[in-house]
Protein backbone atom coordinates (compact mmCIF):
# COMPACT_ATOMS: atom_id res chain seq x y z
CA MET A 1 7.50 1.74 25.64
CA THR A 2 7.52 -0.18 22.36
CA ARG A 3 10.95 -1.15 21.06
CA VAL A 4 11.09 -0.76 17.27
CA TYR A 5 13.78 -1.86 14.83
CA ILE A 6 13.76 -0.93 11.13
CA ASP A 7 15.73 -3.42 9.04
CA GLY A 8 16.48 -1.52 5.85
CA SER A 9 16.19 1.96 7.34
CA ALA A 10 18.21 3.58 4.53
CA GLY A 11 15.62 2.99 1.78
CA THR A 12 12.68 5.24 0.94
CA THR A 13 10.15 3.15 2.90
CA GLY A 14 12.43 2.85 5.93
CA LEU A 15 13.23 6.54 5.92
CA ARG A 16 9.53 7.48 5.82
CA ILE A 17 8.73 5.07 8.69
CA ASN A 18 11.58 6.58 10.71
CA GLU A 19 10.21 10.04 9.95
CA ARG A 20 6.73 9.07 11.16
CA LEU A 21 8.10 7.54 14.38
CA ASN A 22 10.54 10.31 15.26
CA GLY A 23 9.36 12.31 18.25
CA ARG A 24 6.86 9.71 19.45
CA SER A 25 7.21 9.27 23.21
CA ASP A 26 5.80 5.72 23.10
CA ILE A 27 8.56 4.44 20.77
CA GLN A 28 12.16 3.46 21.44
CA LEU A 29 13.94 3.19 18.09
CA LEU A 30 16.69 0.57 18.09
CA LYS A 31 19.34 1.83 15.68
CA ILE A 32 21.96 -0.57 14.42
CA PRO A 33 25.42 0.93 13.78
CA GLU A 34 25.97 1.67 10.10
CA GLU A 35 28.88 -0.74 9.84
CA LEU A 36 26.71 -3.61 11.13
CA ARG A 37 23.70 -3.14 8.85
CA LYS A 38 24.60 -6.24 6.81
CA ASP A 39 26.03 -8.28 9.69
CA ASN A 40 23.51 -11.09 10.19
CA LYS A 41 24.55 -11.77 13.77
CA ALA A 42 23.97 -8.13 14.68
CA ARG A 43 20.74 -7.98 12.68
CA ALA A 44 19.44 -11.07 14.46
CA SER A 45 20.16 -9.45 17.83
CA TYR A 46 18.20 -6.32 16.96
CA LEU A 47 15.35 -8.23 15.31
CA ASN A 48 14.86 -10.45 18.34
CA GLU A 49 15.17 -7.60 20.84
CA ALA A 50 12.45 -5.53 19.16
CA ASP A 51 8.75 -5.61 19.97
CA ILE A 52 8.05 -4.45 16.40
CA ALA A 53 10.46 -5.15 13.54
CA PHE A 54 9.82 -3.43 10.21
CA LEU A 55 11.37 -5.09 7.16
CA CYS A 56 12.06 -2.53 4.42
CA LEU A 57 14.13 -4.82 2.27
CA PRO A 58 14.27 -6.62 -1.09
CA ASP A 59 12.29 -9.86 -1.06
CA ASP A 60 15.20 -12.25 -0.52
CA ALA A 61 16.63 -10.11 2.28
CA ALA A 62 13.20 -10.01 3.94
CA ARG A 63 13.00 -13.80 3.86
CA GLU A 64 16.49 -13.94 5.32
CA ALA A 65 15.47 -11.57 8.12
CA VAL A 66 12.57 -13.84 9.06
CA SER A 67 14.98 -16.80 9.16
CA LEU A 68 17.09 -14.89 11.71
CA MET A 69 14.27 -14.91 14.25
CA ASP A 70 14.79 -17.12 17.31
CA PRO A 71 12.20 -19.94 17.15
CA SER A 72 11.45 -19.36 20.85
CA ASN A 73 10.76 -15.66 20.30
CA ASP A 74 7.06 -15.08 20.98
CA HIS A 75 7.07 -11.31 21.41
CA THR A 76 8.45 -9.75 18.21
CA VAL A 77 5.87 -8.75 15.62
CA ILE A 78 7.30 -8.55 12.10
CA ILE A 79 5.77 -6.02 9.70
CA ASP A 80 7.16 -6.74 6.25
CA ALA A 81 6.95 -4.06 3.56
CA SER A 82 8.43 -6.30 0.84
CA THR A 83 6.55 -8.52 -1.61
CA ALA A 84 7.93 -11.68 -0.01
CA HIS A 85 5.07 -12.70 2.30
CA ARG A 86 1.89 -10.99 1.06
CA THR A 87 0.23 -14.18 -0.09
CA GLU A 88 1.97 -16.56 2.30
CA PRO A 89 -0.09 -18.64 4.78
CA GLY A 90 0.18 -17.38 8.34
CA TRP A 91 0.79 -13.77 7.34
CA ALA A 92 -1.89 -11.15 7.95
CA TYR A 93 -2.53 -8.84 4.99
CA GLY A 94 -2.05 -5.30 6.27
CA PHE A 95 -5.13 -3.58 4.89
CA PRO A 96 -7.52 -3.36 7.88
CA GLU A 97 -10.25 -1.42 6.08
CA LEU A 98 -11.19 -4.28 3.77
CA ALA A 99 -13.16 -6.26 6.38
CA PRO A 100 -13.25 -6.84 10.17
CA SER A 101 -11.34 -10.10 9.70
CA PHE A 102 -8.38 -8.22 8.19
CA ARG A 103 -8.19 -5.85 11.16
CA LYS A 104 -8.52 -8.76 13.61
CA ASN A 105 -5.72 -10.69 11.90
CA ILE A 106 -3.45 -7.65 12.10
CA ARG A 107 -4.28 -6.98 15.75
CA GLU A 108 -3.63 -10.58 16.78
CA GLY A 109 -0.87 -11.50 14.34
CA LYS A 110 2.87 -11.84 14.75
CA ARG A 111 3.57 -11.73 11.02
CA ILE A 112 2.04 -8.89 8.97
CA ALA A 113 2.63 -8.19 5.27
CA VAL A 114 2.14 -4.60 4.12
CA PRO A 115 0.32 -4.41 0.76
CA GLY A 116 2.12 -3.25 -2.36
CA CYS A 117 1.52 0.31 -3.46
CA TYR A 118 -0.30 -0.51 -6.71
CA ALA A 119 -2.08 -3.39 -5.01
CA SER A 120 -3.33 -1.05 -2.26
CA GLY A 121 -5.17 1.07 -4.79
CA PHE A 122 -6.48 -1.96 -6.63
CA VAL A 123 -7.79 -3.87 -3.60
CA MET A 124 -9.40 -0.81 -2.01
CA MET A 125 -11.53 -0.45 -5.15
CA THR A 126 -12.03 -4.07 -6.20
CA TYR A 127 -12.48 -5.96 -2.91
CA PRO A 128 -15.77 -4.19 -2.01
CA LEU A 129 -17.11 -4.74 -5.54
CA ILE A 130 -16.59 -8.49 -5.19
CA GLU A 131 -17.89 -8.62 -1.62
CA GLU A 132 -21.05 -6.70 -2.48
CA GLY A 133 -21.70 -8.78 -5.60
CA ILE A 134 -21.30 -5.78 -7.90
CA ILE A 135 -18.83 -7.58 -10.14
CA SER A 136 -18.24 -11.30 -10.47
CA LYS A 137 -14.98 -13.03 -9.63
CA ASP A 138 -14.43 -13.67 -13.34
CA TYR A 139 -15.04 -10.05 -14.42
CA PRO A 140 -12.44 -9.13 -17.10
CA VAL A 141 -10.63 -6.60 -14.91
CA THR A 142 -8.27 -4.05 -16.45
CA VAL A 143 -6.40 -1.57 -14.27
CA SER A 144 -3.87 1.16 -14.97
CA ALA A 145 -1.76 3.21 -12.58
CA LEU A 146 0.52 6.24 -12.56
CA SER A 147 3.15 6.61 -9.83
CA GLY A 148 5.89 9.00 -8.80
CA TYR A 149 9.43 7.72 -9.14
CA SER A 150 10.04 7.26 -5.40
CA GLY A 151 8.50 3.81 -5.74
CA ALA A 152 10.84 2.77 -8.55
CA GLY A 153 13.76 1.72 -6.35
CA LYS A 154 17.04 3.26 -5.25
CA LYS A 155 18.84 2.97 -8.61
CA ALA A 156 15.97 4.54 -10.55
CA ILE A 157 15.68 7.36 -8.01
CA GLU A 158 19.37 8.14 -8.52
CA VAL A 159 18.78 8.42 -12.28
CA TYR A 160 15.71 10.62 -11.87
CA GLU A 161 17.48 12.96 -9.45
CA GLY A 162 20.99 12.81 -10.95
CA GLU A 163 22.78 14.84 -13.56
CA GLY A 164 22.58 13.72 -17.15
CA LYS A 165 19.11 12.20 -16.78
CA PRO A 166 18.07 10.53 -20.08
CA ASP A 167 15.41 12.44 -21.97
CA SER A 168 13.04 9.45 -21.77
CA TYR A 169 12.90 9.94 -17.98
CA ASN A 170 11.24 13.31 -18.49
CA ALA A 171 8.01 11.65 -19.69
CA PRO A 172 5.69 8.94 -18.31
CA ARG A 173 7.21 5.47 -18.83
CA GLU A 174 5.07 2.36 -19.07
CA TYR A 175 6.66 -0.85 -17.81
CA ALA A 176 5.96 -4.49 -16.77
CA LEU A 177 4.96 -4.96 -20.41
CA THR A 178 4.92 -8.76 -20.19
CA GLN A 179 2.07 -8.65 -17.64
CA GLN A 180 4.30 -10.17 -14.94
CA HIS A 181 4.27 -7.37 -12.35
CA LYS A 182 5.01 -8.65 -8.85
CA HIS A 183 1.84 -7.12 -7.36
CA LEU A 184 -0.49 -9.16 -9.58
CA LYS A 185 -0.38 -12.19 -7.31
CA GLU A 186 -1.76 -10.34 -4.27
CA MET A 187 -4.23 -8.35 -6.37
CA THR A 188 -5.74 -11.60 -7.58
CA LYS A 189 -5.67 -13.53 -4.32
CA ILE A 190 -6.90 -10.83 -1.94
CA CYS A 191 -9.83 -9.96 -4.20
CA SER A 192 -10.62 -13.64 -4.95
CA LEU A 193 -10.48 -13.05 -8.70
CA SER A 194 -10.56 -16.13 -10.92
CA LYS A 195 -7.85 -14.70 -13.20
CA GLU A 196 -5.23 -12.00 -13.02
CA PRO A 197 -6.20 -8.53 -14.21
CA VAL A 198 -4.60 -6.81 -17.17
CA PHE A 199 -2.34 -4.30 -15.42
CA VAL A 200 -0.68 -1.23 -16.97
CA PRO A 201 1.69 0.58 -14.56
CA VAL A 202 3.39 3.85 -15.46
CA VAL A 203 6.13 5.76 -13.62
CA ASP A 204 6.54 9.51 -14.15
CA ASP A 205 8.97 12.31 -13.35
CA TYR A 206 7.58 13.50 -10.02
CA TYR A 207 8.58 12.25 -6.57
CA SER A 208 5.54 10.74 -4.87
CA GLY A 209 1.83 10.12 -5.15
CA MET A 210 -0.13 7.74 -7.35
CA ILE A 211 -3.47 7.19 -9.01
CA VAL A 212 -4.84 3.71 -9.71
CA THR A 213 -7.65 3.50 -12.26
CA LEU A 214 -10.32 0.80 -12.59
CA PRO A 215 -12.70 1.16 -15.59
CA LEU A 216 -16.02 -0.72 -15.57
CA HIS A 217 -18.64 -1.49 -18.22
CA ALA A 218 -22.09 -1.08 -16.67
CA GLY A 219 -23.49 -3.85 -18.86
CA LEU A 220 -21.04 -6.35 -17.32
CA LEU A 221 -21.89 -5.57 -13.70
CA GLU A 222 -23.82 -8.11 -11.65
CA LYS A 223 -26.00 -5.29 -10.29
CA LYS A 224 -27.44 -2.47 -12.36
CA LEU A 225 -25.99 0.70 -10.81
CA THR A 226 -25.55 4.31 -11.81
CA PRO A 227 -22.16 5.91 -11.11
CA ALA A 228 -23.68 7.72 -8.12
CA GLU A 229 -25.04 4.44 -6.74
CA LEU A 230 -21.66 2.78 -7.25
CA ARG A 231 -20.07 5.62 -5.29
CA ASP A 232 -22.62 5.15 -2.51
CA ALA A 233 -21.82 1.42 -2.29
CA LEU A 234 -18.13 2.18 -1.82
CA PHE A 235 -18.94 4.92 0.69
CA ALA A 236 -21.02 2.48 2.75
CA HIS A 237 -18.17 -0.04 2.76
CA TYR A 238 -15.64 2.48 4.09
CA GLU A 239 -17.91 4.65 6.22
CA GLY A 240 -16.14 5.62 9.45
CA GLU A 241 -12.67 4.66 8.21
CA ALA A 242 -10.09 7.38 8.85
CA PHE A 243 -7.71 6.41 6.05
CA ILE A 244 -10.09 6.07 3.10
CA LYS A 245 -12.47 8.81 2.03
CA VAL A 246 -14.90 8.08 -0.79
CA MET A 247 -15.49 11.45 -2.38
CA PRO A 248 -18.98 12.76 -3.20
CA PHE A 249 -20.09 11.99 -6.73
CA GLY A 250 -19.08 14.87 -9.01
CA SER A 251 -16.47 16.28 -6.62
CA GLU A 252 -13.78 16.16 -9.32
CA GLU A 253 -15.46 19.28 -10.74
CA GLU A 254 -13.97 21.19 -7.80
CA THR A 255 -10.57 20.74 -9.48
CA GLY A 256 -11.76 21.54 -12.99
CA GLY A 257 -12.56 17.96 -13.92
CA PHE A 258 -8.99 16.78 -13.27
CA ILE A 259 -7.67 14.32 -10.67
CA SER A 260 -3.95 14.75 -10.08
CA ALA A 261 -1.79 11.72 -9.27
CA ASN A 262 0.18 13.71 -6.69
CA LEU A 263 -2.93 14.98 -4.91
CA MET A 264 -2.15 12.98 -1.73
CA SER A 265 1.64 13.28 -1.79
CA GLY A 266 3.00 13.40 1.74
CA ARG A 267 -0.18 11.97 3.25
CA ASP A 268 -0.94 8.55 4.71
CA ASP A 269 -4.59 8.25 3.65
CA ALA A 270 -6.43 7.84 0.36
CA LYS A 271 -9.31 9.25 -1.66
CA ILE A 272 -11.60 7.29 -3.97
CA TYR A 273 -13.46 8.95 -6.85
CA VAL A 274 -16.22 7.44 -8.99
CA THR A 275 -16.82 9.10 -12.35
CA GLY A 276 -18.39 8.26 -15.70
CA ASN A 277 -21.89 7.69 -17.04
CA ASP A 278 -24.56 5.00 -17.05
CA ASP A 279 -22.66 3.00 -19.71
CA ARG A 280 -19.02 3.32 -18.62
CA MET A 281 -17.73 4.09 -15.15
CA VAL A 282 -14.27 4.73 -13.74
CA ILE A 283 -13.09 4.33 -10.14
CA ASN A 284 -9.86 6.10 -9.15
CA ALA A 285 -7.88 5.59 -5.95
CA VAL A 286 -5.48 8.44 -5.17
CA PHE A 287 -2.84 8.18 -2.43
CA ASP A 288 0.87 8.45 -1.73
CA ASN A 289 2.84 5.39 -2.82
CA LEU A 290 5.04 5.94 0.26
CA GLY A 291 2.05 6.64 2.53
CA LYS A 292 -1.00 4.38 2.36
CA GLY A 293 0.99 2.49 -0.27
CA ALA A 294 3.92 1.64 2.02
CA SER A 295 5.25 3.37 5.14
CA GLY A 296 1.99 4.90 6.35
CA ALA A 297 0.25 1.54 6.05
CA ALA A 298 3.09 -0.13 7.97
CA VAL A 299 2.84 2.34 10.86
CA GLN A 300 -0.97 2.02 10.83
CA CYS A 301 -0.52 -1.74 11.31
CA MET A 302 1.89 -1.11 14.19
CA ASN A 303 -0.64 1.17 15.85
CA ILE A 304 -3.27 -1.56 15.61
CA VAL A 305 -0.89 -4.13 17.12
CA THR A 306 0.00 -1.85 20.03
CA GLY A 307 -3.61 -0.83 20.70
CA LEU A 308 -3.17 2.82 19.81
CA PRO A 309 -5.52 4.89 17.64
CA GLU A 310 -4.68 3.93 14.07
CA THR A 311 -3.91 7.51 13.04
CA THR A 312 -1.24 8.05 15.73
CA GLY A 313 1.79 9.79 14.21
CA LEU A 314 0.30 9.75 10.71
CA ASN A 315 -0.84 12.48 8.34
CA VAL A 316 -4.54 11.94 7.62
CA MET A 317 -7.44 14.18 6.65
CA GLN A 318 -9.73 15.42 9.37
């Protein structure tokens, strides 16, 4: 039986991981008493006892948790859902579908960094384009994204769900206006881009689910492709993957030509749509910011580490 400790179990990511693990007969959840949650001596004991330790913490607290590990501990695998270690040497990037090397690093690693929610959508679209030579590493990438408020942090969630909510919270709100969003670093590094993309994130008044949008000019592609051919290239990259489904070209017509940002709310997998025409194309990744964008991805990594089917305990399409 795998002993699991969730450091930061009271936050949205920790709560969703706990929900996905509850009822699993192969898991023993180590639960720290409420009054000891911030006691470093107690935290260190639980972290070092666990076979799998999930870190669902702010960046500095995640770094602190890693520092609490006994140097002689060679059994605990840390799966960090914070931003702290996603581009750090020695940490596996927890997106196994990108390439066999990513899955191998997760399976064999002791330190695994779960991708950011926005970054998950970005890399699932952009990484294959770079790898297949469809766009160059210096392509002028622009990406936008719309997310539910569950990814905005505990204080923002309290405002969205509390009484007296400001009127501005009833509409989509664009942020990170200085182009300094914390996910940009991993977006750039993982996809081997020569410069950071222009990134426009938006949070809206619904709980969970997100859509990440990557527009492309056909004339700037390294390969001349129609939208249908671009879709087929992405399909070939992810063929056989349980967590990423590249939708048939034109399938957005089944929903009246709309793609809703909350389409995958509550799920742990993702859909990719390719739309547009021979001049201008758009790729959209749709998933739950708490699913494939956080907790679901973390549990998927745990399943890989423990040798279980990756979909164990997760909500994915059949």
